């Protein structure tokens, strides 16, 4: 809610630039994608959004990376949704 003019058309705010957000999804290829990544599998979980230390171009909701479930640092968090 720090930048109300940056809200999405759905009213969602703060989707990028604070901390990377955990998701429940395994780090796998997108459906129908031929791109392969050596880290794909069910070991890592998808993280999204970019953290406070990332370059501006990386701080966006579509930015996708992965982290181990036991990872912990100051730029990784989660968002409770239903």
PDB file of N, CA and C in Angstrom:
ATOM      1  N   UNK A   1       0.787  -1.201   0.000  1.00  0.00           N
ATOM      2  CA  UNK A   1       0.000   0.000   0.000  1.00  0.00           C
ATOM      3  C   UNK A   1       0.827   1.263   0.000  1.00  0.00           C
ATOM      4  N   UNK A   2       2.136   1.160  -0.150  1.00  0.00           N
ATOM      5  CA  UNK A   2       2.986   2.350  -0.112  1.00  0.00           C
ATOM      6  C   UNK A   2       2.790   3.238  -1.327  1.00  0.00           C
ATOM      7  N   UNK A   3       2.445   2.647  -2.477  1.00  0.00           N
ATOM      8  CA  UNK A   3       2.305   3.394  -3.720  1.00  0.00           C
ATOM      9  C   UNK A   3       0.970   3.053  -4.362  1.00  0.00           C
ATOM     10  N   UNK A   4      -0.077   3.682  -3.908  1.00  0.00           N
ATOM     11  CA  UNK A   4      -1.432   3.350  -4.359  1.00  0.00           C
ATOM     12  C   UNK A   4      -1.602   3.485  -5.869  1.00  0.00           C
ATOM     13  N   UNK A   5      -0.877   4.395  -6.512  1.00  0.00           N
ATOM     14  CA  UNK A   5      -1.003   4.548  -7.961  1.00  0.00           C
ATOM     15  C   UNK A   5      -0.373   3.380  -8.705  1.00  0.00           C
ATOM     16  N   UNK A   6       0.359   2.519  -7.995  1.00  0.00           N
ATOM     17  CA  UNK A   6       0.961   1.351  -8.615  1.00  0.00           C
ATOM     18  C   UNK A   6       0.123   0.093  -8.487  1.00  0.00           C
ATOM     19  N   UNK A   7      -1.094   0.230  -7.982  1.00  0.00           N
ATOM     20  CA  UNK A   7      -1.972  -0.940  -7.814  1.00  0.00           C
ATOM     21  C   UNK A   7      -2.337  -1.522  -9.171  1.00  0.00           C
ATOM     22  N   UNK A   8      -2.513  -2.832  -9.218  1.00  0.00           N
ATOM     23  CA  UNK A   8      -2.916  -3.484 -10.459  1.00  0.00           C
ATOM     24  C   UNK A   8      -4.371  -3.133 -10.757  1.00  0.00           C
ATOM     25  N   UNK A   9      -4.859  -3.458 -11.954  1.00  0.00           N
ATOM     26  CA  UNK A   9      -6.274  -3.226 -12.264  1.00  0.00           C
ATOM     27  C   UNK A   9      -7.211  -3.961 -11.301  1.00  0.00           C
ATOM     28  N   UNK A  10      -6.689  -4.953 -10.597  1.00  0.00           N
ATOM     29  CA  UNK A  10      -7.482  -5.723  -9.644  1.00  0.00           C
ATOM     30  C   UNK A  10      -7.336  -5.200  -8.222  1.00  0.00           C
ATOM     31  N   UNK A  11      -6.577  -4.119  -8.050  1.00  0.00           N
ATOM     32  CA  UNK A  11      -6.394  -3.531  -6.733  1.00  0.00           C
ATOM     33  C   UNK A  11      -5.281  -4.162  -5.919  1.00  0.00           C
ATOM     34  N   UNK A  12      -4.518  -5.068  -6.516  1.00  0.00           N
ATOM     35  CA  UNK A  12      -3.424  -5.731  -5.807  1.00  0.00           C
ATOM     36  C   UNK A  12      -2.214  -4.800  -5.770  1.00  0.00           C
ATOM     37  N   UNK A  13      -1.611  -4.697  -4.598  1.00  0.00           N
ATOM     38  CA  UNK A  13      -0.458  -3.810  -4.431  1.00  0.00           C
ATOM     39  C   UNK A  13       0.754  -4.569  -3.913  1.00  0.00           C
ATOM     40  N   UNK A  14       1.900  -3.936  -4.047  1.00  0.00           N
ATOM     41  CA  UNK A  14       3.164  -4.444  -3.501  1.00  0.00           C
ATOM     42  C   UNK A  14       3.513  -5.839  -3.997  1.00  0.00           C
ATOM     43  N   UNK A  15       3.350  -6.076  -5.288  1.00  0.00           N
ATOM     44  CA  UNK A  15       3.638  -7.397  -5.847  1.00  0.00           C
ATOM     45  C   UNK A  15       5.120  -7.599  -6.162  1.00  0.00           C
ATOM     46  N   UNK A  16       5.908  -6.541  -6.157  1.00  0.00           N
ATOM     47  CA  UNK A  16       7.320  -6.681  -6.486  1.00  0.00           C
ATOM     48  C   UNK A  16       8.134  -5.616  -5.765  1.00  0.00           C
ATOM     49  N   UNK A  17       9.409  -5.954  -5.552  1.00  0.00           N
ATOM     50  CA  UNK A  17      10.337  -4.971  -5.032  1.00  0.00           C
ATOM     51  C   UNK A  17      10.528  -4.982  -3.536  1.00  0.00           C
ATOM     52  N   UNK A  18       9.757  -5.700  -2.793  1.00  0.00           N
ATOM     53  CA  UNK A  18       9.936  -5.782  -1.349  1.00  0.00           C
ATOM     54  C   UNK A  18      10.789  -7.011  -1.056  1.00  0.00           C
ATOM     55  N   UNK A  19      10.208  -8.172  -1.117  1.00  0.00           N
ATOM     56  CA  UNK A  19      10.948  -9.430  -0.999  1.00  0.00           C
ATOM     57  C   UNK A  19      10.436 -10.398  -2.063  1.00  0.00           C
ATOM     58  N   UNK A  20      11.268 -11.353  -2.440  1.00  0.00           N
ATOM     59  CA  UNK A  20      10.803 -12.429  -3.290  1.00  0.00           C
ATOM     60  C   UNK A  20       9.712 -13.170  -2.537  1.00  0.00           C
ATOM     61  N   UNK A  21       8.666 -13.571  -3.215  1.00  0.00           N
ATOM     62  CA  UNK A  21       7.563 -14.265  -2.555  1.00  0.00           C
ATOM     63  C   UNK A  21       7.550 -15.741  -2.925  1.00  0.00           C
ATOM     64  N   UNK A  22       7.505 -16.567  -1.880  1.00  0.00           N
ATOM     65  CA  UNK A  22       7.385 -18.017  -2.064  1.00  0.00           C
ATOM     66  C   UNK A  22       6.052 -18.339  -2.724  1.00  0.00           C
ATOM     67  N   UNK A  23       6.040 -19.388  -3.529  1.00  0.00           N
ATOM     68  CA  UNK A  23       4.778 -19.958  -3.989  1.00  0.00           C
ATOM     69  C   UNK A  23       4.811 -21.444  -3.624  1.00  0.00           C
ATOM     70  N   UNK A  24       3.714 -22.118  -3.754  1.00  0.00           N
ATOM     71  CA  UNK A  24       3.654 -23.552  -3.463  1.00  0.00           C
ATOM     72  C   UNK A  24       4.073 -24.388  -4.663  1.00  0.00           C
ATOM     73  N   UNK A  25       4.300 -23.744  -5.797  1.00  0.00           N
ATOM     74  CA  UNK A  25       4.602 -24.462  -7.038  1.00  0.00           C
ATOM     75  C   UNK A  25       6.028 -24.975  -7.087  1.00  0.00           C
ATOM     76  N   UNK A  26       6.179 -26.206  -7.559  1.00  0.00           N
ATOM     77  CA  UNK A  26       7.509 -26.751  -7.835  1.00  0.00           C
ATOM     78  C   UNK A  26       8.101 -25.991  -9.020  1.00  0.00           C
ATOM     79  N   UNK A  27       9.414 -25.842  -9.032  1.00  0.00           N
ATOM     80  CA  UNK A  27      10.103 -25.131 -10.117  1.00  0.00           C
ATOM     81  C   UNK A  27      10.187 -26.042 -11.328  1.00  0.00           C
ATOM     82  N   UNK A  28       9.210 -25.908 -12.217  1.00  0.00           N
ATOM     83  CA  UNK A  28       9.084 -26.728 -13.417  1.00  0.00           C
ATOM     84  C   UNK A  28       8.930 -25.821 -14.632  1.00  0.00           C
ATOM     85  N   UNK A  29       9.087 -26.395 -15.797  1.00  0.00           N
ATOM     86  CA  UNK A  29       8.872 -25.645 -17.039  1.00  0.00           C
ATOM     87  C   UNK A  29       7.403 -25.247 -17.149  1.00  0.00           C
ATOM     88  N   UNK A  30       7.149 -24.136 -17.839  1.00  0.00           N
ATOM     89  CA  UNK A  30       5.771 -23.763 -18.138  1.00  0.00           C
ATOM     90  C   UNK A  30       5.181 -24.803 -19.096  1.00  0.00           C
ATOM     91  N   UNK A  31       3.869 -25.008 -19.062  1.00  0.00           N
ATOM     92  CA  UNK A  31       3.248 -25.956 -19.998  1.00  0.00           C
ATOM     93  C   UNK A  31       3.596 -25.612 -21.452  1.00  0.00           C
ATOM     94  N   UNK A  32       3.903 -26.625 -22.226  1.00  0.00           N
ATOM     95  CA  UNK A  32       4.237 -26.498 -23.647  1.00  0.00           C
ATOM     96  C   UNK A  32       5.549 -25.767 -23.928  1.00  0.00           C
ATOM     97  N   UNK A  33       6.359 -25.529 -22.910  1.00  0.00           N
ATOM     98  CA  UNK A  33       7.649 -24.869 -23.102  1.00  0.00           C
ATOM     99  C   UNK A  33       8.719 -25.911 -23.415  1.00  0.00           C
ATOM    100  N   UNK A  34       9.605 -25.590 -24.332  1.00  0.00           N
ATOM    101  CA  UNK A  34      10.717 -26.481 -24.649  1.00  0.00           C
ATOM    102  C   UNK A  34      11.983 -26.076 -23.890  1.00  0.00           C
ATOM    103  N   UNK A  35      11.923 -24.953 -23.171  1.00  0.00           N
ATOM    104  CA  UNK A  35      13.094 -24.493 -22.407  1.00  0.00           C
ATOM    105  C   UNK A  35      13.387 -25.461 -21.270  1.00  0.00           C
ATOM    106  N   UNK A  36      14.639 -25.800 -21.101  1.00  0.00           N
ATOM    107  CA  UNK A  36      15.043 -26.698 -20.030  1.00  0.00           C
ATOM    108  C   UNK A  36      15.990 -25.980 -19.070  1.00  0.00           C
ATOM    109  N   UNK A  37      15.846 -26.244 -17.801  1.00  0.00           N
ATOM    110  CA  UNK A  37      16.696 -25.665 -16.769  1.00  0.00           C
ATOM    111  C   UNK A  37      17.188 -26.817 -15.895  1.00  0.00           C
ATOM    112  N   UNK A  38      18.474 -26.870 -15.595  1.00  0.00           N
ATOM    113  CA  UNK A  38      18.974 -27.988 -14.785  1.00  0.00           C
ATOM    114  C   UNK A  38      18.395 -28.020 -13.372  1.00  0.00           C
ATOM    115  N   UNK A  39      17.774 -26.928 -12.947  1.00  0.00           N
ATOM    116  CA  UNK A  39      17.198 -26.872 -11.607  1.00  0.00           C
ATOM    117  C   UNK A  39      15.732 -27.285 -11.572  1.00  0.00           C
ATOM    118  N   UNK A  40      15.122 -27.546 -12.735  1.00  0.00           N
ATOM    119  CA  UNK A  40      13.732 -27.995 -12.753  1.00  0.00           C
ATOM    120  C   UNK A  40      13.589 -29.306 -11.980  1.00  0.00           C
ATOM    121  N   UNK A  41      12.458 -29.463 -11.324  1.00  0.00           N
ATOM    122  CA  UNK A  41      12.178 -30.664 -10.560  1.00  0.00           C
ATOM    123  C   UNK A  41      11.274 -30.325  -9.395  1.00  0.00           C
ATOM    124  N   UNK A  42      11.071 -31.262  -8.488  1.00  0.00           N
ATOM    125  CA  UNK A  42      10.181 -30.980  -7.357  1.00  0.00           C
ATOM    126  C   UNK A  42      10.942 -30.619  -6.086  1.00  0.00           C
ATOM    127  N   UNK A  43      12.247 -30.368  -6.199  1.00  0.00           N
ATOM    128  CA  UNK A  43      13.059 -30.006  -5.031  1.00  0.00           C
ATOM    129  C   UNK A  43      12.922 -28.531  -4.676  1.00  0.00           C
ATOM    130  N   UNK A  44      12.929 -27.651  -5.668  1.00  0.00           N
ATOM    131  CA  UNK A  44      12.857 -26.202  -5.447  1.00  0.00           C
ATOM    132  C   UNK A  44      11.434 -25.702  -5.613  1.00  0.00           C
ATOM    133  N   UNK A  45      11.128 -24.580  -4.994  1.00  0.00           N
ATOM    134  CA  UNK A  45       9.824 -23.934  -5.126  1.00  0.00           C
ATOM    135  C   UNK A  45      10.005 -22.601  -5.849  1.00  0.00           C
ATOM    136  N   UNK A  46       8.990 -22.215  -6.623  1.00  0.00           N
ATOM    137  CA  UNK A  46       9.018 -20.966  -7.378  1.00  0.00           C
ATOM    138  C   UNK A  46       8.964 -19.779  -6.417  1.00  0.00           C
ATOM    139  N   UNK A  47       9.782 -18.778  -6.702  1.00  0.00           N
ATOM    140  CA  UNK A  47       9.703 -17.492  -6.022  1.00  0.00           C
ATOM    141  C   UNK A  47       9.419 -16.442  -7.088  1.00  0.00           C
ATOM    142  N   UNK A  48       8.714 -15.388  -6.702  1.00  0.00           N
ATOM    143  CA  UNK A  48       8.325 -14.361  -7.672  1.00  0.00           C
ATOM    144  C   UNK A  48       8.502 -12.957  -7.117  1.00  0.00           C
ATOM    145  N   UNK A  49       8.700 -12.008  -8.027  1.00  0.00           N
ATOM    146  CA  UNK A  49       8.577 -10.596  -7.709  1.00  0.00           C
ATOM    147  C   UNK A  49       9.849  -9.801  -7.559  1.00  0.00           C
ATOM    148  N   UNK A  50      10.954 -10.395  -7.257  1.00  0.00           N
ATOM    149  CA  UNK A  50      12.162  -9.616  -7.039  1.00  0.00           C
ATOM    150  C   UNK A  50      12.202  -9.019  -5.647  1.00  0.00           C
ATOM    151  N   UNK A  51      13.391  -8.821  -5.141  1.00  0.00           N
ATOM    152  CA  UNK A  51      13.575  -8.286  -3.796  1.00  0.00           C
ATOM    153  C   UNK A  51      14.046  -6.847  -3.791  1.00  0.00           C
ATOM    154  N   UNK A  52      14.191  -6.309  -2.627  1.00  0.00           N
ATOM    155  CA  UNK A  52      14.559  -4.905  -2.449  1.00  0.00           C
ATOM    156  C   UNK A  52      15.933  -4.575  -3.034  1.00  0.00           C
ATOM    157  N   UNK A  53      16.791  -5.551  -3.191  1.00  0.00           N
ATOM    158  CA  UNK A  53      18.137  -5.306  -3.693  1.00  0.00           C
ATOM    159  C   UNK A  53      18.254  -5.469  -5.204  1.00  0.00           C
ATOM    160  N   UNK A  54      17.211  -5.956  -5.873  1.00  0.00           N
ATOM    161  CA  UNK A  54      17.286  -6.212  -7.307  1.00  0.00           C
ATOM    162  C   UNK A  54      17.234  -4.933  -8.122  1.00  0.00           C
ATOM    163  N   UNK A  55      17.742  -5.020  -9.344  1.00  0.00           N
ATOM    164  CA  UNK A  55      17.646  -3.911 -10.291  1.00  0.00           C
ATOM    165  C   UNK A  55      16.174  -3.628 -10.568  1.00  0.00           C
ATOM    166  N   UNK A  56      15.860  -2.385 -10.914  1.00  0.00           N
ATOM    167  CA  UNK A  56      14.469  -1.996 -11.162  1.00  0.00           C
ATOM    168  C   UNK A  56      13.798  -2.883 -12.205  1.00  0.00           C
ATOM    169  N   UNK A  57      14.523  -3.227 -13.265  1.00  0.00           N
ATOM    170  CA  UNK A  57      13.940  -4.059 -14.323  1.00  0.00           C
ATOM    171  C   UNK A  57      13.561  -5.449 -13.830  1.00  0.00           C
ATOM    172  N   UNK A  58      14.166  -5.907 -12.750  1.00  0.00           N
ATOM    173  CA  UNK A  58      13.857  -7.233 -12.212  1.00  0.00           C
ATOM    174  C   UNK A  58      12.717  -7.198 -11.201  1.00  0.00           C
ATOM    175  N   UNK A  59      12.391  -6.048 -10.681  1.00  0.00           N
ATOM    176  CA  UNK A  59      11.347  -5.931  -9.659  1.00  0.00           C
ATOM    177  C   UNK A  59       9.980  -5.863 -10.332  1.00  0.00           C
ATOM    178  N   UNK A  60       9.488  -7.029 -10.728  1.00  0.00           N
ATOM    179  CA  UNK A  60       8.185  -7.110 -11.383  1.00  0.00           C
ATOM    180  C   UNK A  60       7.550  -8.455 -11.026  1.00  0.00           C
ATOM    181  N   UNK A  61       6.249  -8.492 -11.009  1.00  0.00           N
ATOM    182  CA  UNK A  61       5.523  -9.691 -10.585  1.00  0.00           C
ATOM    183  C   UNK A  61       5.795 -10.892 -11.481  1.00  0.00           C
ATOM    184  N   UNK A  62       6.176 -10.668 -12.727  1.00  0.00           N
ATOM    185  CA  UNK A  62       6.443 -11.775 -13.640  1.00  0.00           C
ATOM    186  C   UNK A  62       7.843 -12.347 -13.485  1.00  0.00           C
ATOM    187  N   UNK A  63       8.679 -11.723 -12.667  1.00  0.00           N
ATOM    188  CA  UNK A  63      10.031 -12.230 -12.438  1.00  0.00           C
ATOM    189  C   UNK A  63       9.928 -13.544 -11.675  1.00  0.00           C
ATOM    190  N   UNK A  64      10.519 -14.599 -12.217  1.00  0.00           N
ATOM    191  CA  UNK A  64      10.373 -15.946 -11.652  1.00  0.00           C
ATOM    192  C   UNK A  64      11.747 -16.544 -11.386  1.00  0.00           C
ATOM    193  N   UNK A  65      11.908 -17.065 -10.194  1.00  0.00           N
ATOM    194  CA  UNK A  65      13.138 -17.746  -9.824  1.00  0.00           C
ATOM    195  C   UNK A  65      12.762 -18.936  -8.949  1.00  0.00           C
ATOM    196  N   UNK A  66      13.720 -19.483  -8.225  1.00  0.00           N
ATOM    197  CA  UNK A  66      13.430 -20.639  -7.371  1.00  0.00           C
ATOM    198  C   UNK A  66      14.355 -20.627  -6.162  1.00  0.00           C
ATOM    199  N   UNK A  67      13.911 -21.282  -5.119  1.00  0.00           N
ATOM    200  CA  UNK A  67      14.714 -21.412  -3.903  1.00  0.00           C
ATOM    201  C   UNK A  67      14.370 -22.723  -3.214  1.00  0.00           C
ATOM    202  N   UNK A  68      15.321 -23.214  -2.446  1.00  0.00           N
ATOM    203  CA  UNK A  68      15.097 -24.442  -1.678  1.00  0.00           C
ATOM    204  C   UNK A  68      14.140 -24.156  -0.525  1.00  0.00           C
ATOM    205  N   UNK A  69      13.318 -25.121  -0.142  1.00  0.00           N
ATOM    206  CA  UNK A  69      12.369 -24.911   0.951  1.00  0.00           C
ATOM    207  C   UNK A  69      13.016 -24.521   2.282  1.00  0.00           C
ATOM    208  N   UNK A  70      14.280 -24.849   2.467  1.00  0.00           N
ATOM    209  CA  UNK A  70      14.935 -24.485   3.728  1.00  0.00           C
ATOM    210  C   UNK A  70      15.761 -23.203   3.626  1.00  0.00           C
ATOM    211  N   UNK A  71      15.629 -22.484   2.511  1.00  0.00           N
ATOM    212  CA  UNK A  71      16.348 -21.221   2.344  1.00  0.00           C
ATOM    213  C   UNK A  71      15.759 -20.157   3.264  1.00  0.00           C
ATOM    214  N   UNK A  72      16.615 -19.304   3.763  1.00  0.00           N
ATOM    215  CA  UNK A  72      16.166 -18.189   4.606  1.00  0.00           C
ATOM    216  C   UNK A  72      17.136 -17.021   4.425  1.00  0.00           C
ATOM    217  N   UNK A  73      16.587 -15.855   4.132  1.00  0.00           N
ATOM    218  CA  UNK A  73      17.399 -14.643   4.066  1.00  0.00           C
ATOM    219  C   UNK A  73      16.491 -13.423   4.141  1.00  0.00           C
ATOM    220  N   UNK A  74      17.075 -12.237   4.057  1.00  0.00           N
ATOM    221  CA  UNK A  74      16.309 -11.009   4.256  1.00  0.00           C
ATOM    222  C   UNK A  74      15.562 -10.531   3.016  1.00  0.00           C
ATOM    223  N   UNK A  75      15.581 -11.285   1.953  1.00  0.00           N
ATOM    224  CA  UNK A  75      14.859 -10.876   0.751  1.00  0.00           C
ATOM    225  C   UNK A  75      13.903 -11.956   0.253  1.00  0.00           C
ATOM    226  N   UNK A  76      13.432 -12.784   1.161  1.00  0.00           N
ATOM    227  CA  UNK A  76      12.531 -13.869   0.804  1.00  0.00           C
ATOM    228  C   UNK A  76      11.388 -13.919   1.809  1.00  0.00           C
ATOM    229  N   UNK A  77      10.160 -13.863   1.316  1.00  0.00           N
ATOM    230  CA  UNK A  77       9.001 -13.869   2.204  1.00  0.00           C
ATOM    231  C   UNK A  77       7.843 -14.605   1.552  1.00  0.00           C
ATOM    232  N   UNK A  78       6.638 -14.345   2.020  1.00  0.00           N
ATOM    233  CA  UNK A  78       5.469 -14.973   1.433  1.00  0.00           C
ATOM    234  C   UNK A  78       4.268 -14.062   1.591  1.00  0.00           C
ATOM    235  N   UNK A  79       3.232 -14.332   0.812  1.00  0.00           N
ATOM    236  CA  UNK A  79       1.988 -13.564   0.840  1.00  0.00           C
ATOM    237  C   UNK A  79       0.869 -14.551   1.099  1.00  0.00           C
ATOM    238  N   UNK A  80       0.046 -14.271   2.082  1.00  0.00           N
ATOM    239  CA  UNK A  80      -1.097 -15.138   2.378  1.00  0.00           C
ATOM    240  C   UNK A  80      -2.260 -14.758   1.477  1.00  0.00           C
ATOM    241  N   UNK A  81      -2.769 -15.715   0.729  1.00  0.00           N
ATOM    242  CA  UNK A  81      -3.895 -15.477  -0.167  1.00  0.00           C
ATOM    243  C   UNK A  81      -4.914 -16.592   0.002  1.00  0.00           C
ATOM    244  N   UNK A  82      -6.099 -16.325  -0.451  1.00  0.00           N
ATOM    245  CA  UNK A  82      -7.128 -17.368  -0.434  1.00  0.00           C
ATOM    246  C   UNK A  82      -7.934 -17.318  -1.689  1.00  0.00           C
TER     247      UNK A  82
END
